[in-house]
Every structure is written in structure tokens, then in C-alpha cells.
Amino acid sequence: MEKIYSVELCKKMVDAAEKALLKAMEAQSYSIGGRSLSRASVESCQKTYDLWMSRLAAAKGVRKGKSKIFTAVPV
């Protein structure tokens, strides 16, 4: 069973992951005057964002994924 994190922590982590994803999407790496900067990959940031979005949904009690339908069959 997945650990339930607090809603407040999940919201902070979602915000941080969203900011990192947006920065990575702007430019993953660039060089200016012989110095270079490399950011995390977009794929890595997207995975982190998705992870914290699912944890936020779990913390709020929202179910993610396929719905399960149970039916009773009379005998």
C-alpha cells in the first residue's frame, strides 16, 4: 500500500515539480561565454510531476485509474 502524504506537502511538491518541468521545457541546456548549464530532462521532470499529482490525489482521497464495477448475480 502506498504511503499517504499530507495534502499540503503534496501541493508544495507539485508546485516545485511544475516549475522544474517548465524550466526544463524552456531549455534543457545552454552555454554562455564558455560556461554551460544543464537542467534535468523533461522526461524526468514529467515523471516527478506525475508522481506527486498521483500522491496529491491519494491524499485528497480521489481515486486515480480505472473504476472497478462490482455486480451481484442472483442465485
C-alpha atoms as a PDB file:
ATOM      1  CA  MET A   1       0.000   0.000   0.000  1.00  0.00           C
ATOM      2  CA  GLU A   2       1.238   3.451  -0.907  1.00  0.00           C
ATOM      3  CA  LYS A   3       2.118   5.838   1.897  1.00  0.00           C
ATOM      4  CA  ILE A   4      -0.294   8.752   2.218  1.00  0.00           C
ATOM      5  CA  TYR A   5       1.415  12.137   2.318  1.00  0.00           C
ATOM      6  CA  SER A   6      -0.214  15.302   3.620  1.00  0.00           C
ATOM      7  CA  VAL A   7      -2.163  17.412   1.153  1.00  0.00           C
ATOM      8  CA  GLU A   8      -0.001  20.446   1.982  1.00  0.00           C
ATOM      9  CA  LEU A   9       3.254  18.601   1.239  1.00  0.00           C
ATOM     10  CA  CYS A  10       1.842  17.193  -1.984  1.00  0.00           C
ATOM     11  CA  LYS A  11       0.747  20.641  -3.163  1.00  0.00           C
ATOM     12  CA  LYS A  12       4.227  22.061  -2.456  1.00  0.00           C
ATOM     13  CA  MET A  13       5.888  19.213  -4.306  1.00  0.00           C
ATOM     14  CA  VAL A  14       3.501  19.506  -7.266  1.00  0.00           C
ATOM     15  CA  ASP A  15       4.267  23.237  -7.492  1.00  0.00           C
ATOM     16  CA  ALA A  16       8.023  22.605  -7.348  1.00  0.00           C
ATOM     17  CA  ALA A  17       7.803  19.819  -9.939  1.00  0.00           C
ATOM     18  CA  GLU A  18       5.713  22.021 -12.223  1.00  0.00           C
ATOM     19  CA  LYS A  19       8.274  24.844 -12.027  1.00  0.00           C
ATOM     20  CA  ALA A  20      11.126  22.421 -12.775  1.00  0.00           C
ATOM     21  CA  LEU A  21       9.206  20.961 -15.714  1.00  0.00           C
ATOM     22  CA  LEU A  22       8.553  24.405 -17.187  1.00  0.00           C
ATOM     23  CA  LYS A  23      12.232  25.403 -16.838  1.00  0.00           C
ATOM     24  CA  ALA A  24      13.366  22.146 -18.424  1.00  0.00           C
ATOM     25  CA  MET A  25      10.940  22.706 -21.296  1.00  0.00           C
ATOM     26  CA  GLU A  26      12.345  26.202 -21.928  1.00  0.00           C
ATOM     27  CA  ALA A  27      15.909  24.996 -22.417  1.00  0.00           C
ATOM     28  CA  GLN A  28      17.460  21.787 -21.188  1.00  0.00           C
ATOM     29  CA  SER A  29      20.991  23.118 -21.593  1.00  0.00           C
ATOM     30  CA  TYR A  30      22.778  26.141 -22.926  1.00  0.00           C
ATOM     31  CA  SER A  31      26.183  27.848 -22.928  1.00  0.00           C
ATOM     32  CA  ILE A  32      27.095  31.486 -22.425  1.00  0.00           C
ATOM     33  CA  GLY A  33      30.664  32.730 -22.506  1.00  0.00           C
ATOM     34  CA  GLY A  34      32.242  29.323 -22.065  1.00  0.00           C
ATOM     35  CA  ARG A  35      30.024  28.385 -19.135  1.00  0.00           C
ATOM     36  CA  SER A  36      27.243  25.883 -19.528  1.00  0.00           C
ATOM     37  CA  LEU A  37      24.116  24.975 -17.618  1.00  0.00           C
ATOM     38  CA  SER A  38      22.294  21.663 -17.869  1.00  0.00           C
ATOM     39  CA  ARG A  39      18.875  21.157 -16.359  1.00  0.00           C
ATOM     40  CA  ALA A  40      17.051  17.933 -15.666  1.00  0.00           C
ATOM     41  CA  SER A  41      15.459  16.226 -18.636  1.00  0.00           C
ATOM     42  CA  VAL A  42      11.847  16.928 -19.486  1.00  0.00           C
ATOM     43  CA  GLU A  43      11.044  13.226 -19.121  1.00  0.00           C
ATOM     44  CA  SER A  44      12.475  13.104 -15.606  1.00  0.00           C
ATOM     45  CA  CYS A  45      10.586  16.234 -14.565  1.00  0.00           C
ATOM     46  CA  GLN A  46       7.356  14.883 -16.069  1.00  0.00           C
ATOM     47  CA  LYS A  47       7.694  11.616 -14.124  1.00  0.00           C
ATOM     48  CA  THR A  48       8.245  13.526 -10.881  1.00  0.00           C
ATOM     49  CA  TYR A  49       5.260  15.777 -11.608  1.00  0.00           C
ATOM     50  CA  ASP A  50       3.030  12.778 -12.358  1.00  0.00           C
ATOM     51  CA  LEU A  51       4.203  11.022  -9.187  1.00  0.00           C
ATOM     52  CA  TRP A  52       3.295  13.970  -6.954  1.00  0.00           C
ATOM     53  CA  MET A  53      -0.012  14.536  -8.751  1.00  0.00           C
ATOM     54  CA  SER A  54      -0.996  10.936  -8.000  1.00  0.00           C
ATOM     55  CA  ARG A  55       0.152  11.317  -4.380  1.00  0.00           C
ATOM     56  CA  LEU A  56      -1.899  14.513  -4.099  1.00  0.00           C
ATOM     57  CA  ALA A  57      -4.946  12.680  -5.437  1.00  0.00           C
ATOM     58  CA  ALA A  58      -4.388   9.896  -2.888  1.00  0.00           C
ATOM     59  CA  ALA A  59      -4.001  12.429  -0.076  1.00  0.00           C
ATOM     60  CA  LYS A  60      -7.280  14.054  -1.086  1.00  0.00           C
ATOM     61  CA  GLY A  61      -8.964  10.659  -1.338  1.00  0.00           C
ATOM     62  CA  VAL A  62      -9.509  10.931  -5.076  1.00  0.00           C
ATOM     63  CA  ARG A  63      -9.168   7.682  -6.899  1.00  0.00           C
ATOM     64  CA  LYS A  64      -6.943   7.542  -9.975  1.00  0.00           C
ATOM     65  CA  GLY A  65      -7.042   4.815 -12.547  1.00  0.00           C
ATOM     66  CA  LYS A  66      -9.753   2.556 -13.821  1.00  0.00           C
ATOM     67  CA  SER A  67     -13.008   2.298 -11.950  1.00  0.00           C
ATOM     68  CA  LYS A  68     -13.979  -1.108 -10.690  1.00  0.00           C
ATOM     69  CA  ILE A  69     -17.554  -2.215 -11.100  1.00  0.00           C
ATOM     70  CA  PHE A  70     -18.917  -4.981  -8.941  1.00  0.00           C
ATOM     71  CA  THR A  71     -22.206  -6.650  -9.700  1.00  0.00           C
ATOM     72  CA  ALA A  72     -24.139  -9.247  -7.787  1.00  0.00           C
ATOM     73  CA  VAL A  73     -25.507 -12.229  -9.611  1.00  0.00           C
ATOM     74  CA  PRO A  74     -28.615 -13.718  -8.003  1.00  0.00           C
ATOM     75  CA  VAL A  75     -28.502 -17.461  -7.499  1.00  0.00           C
END
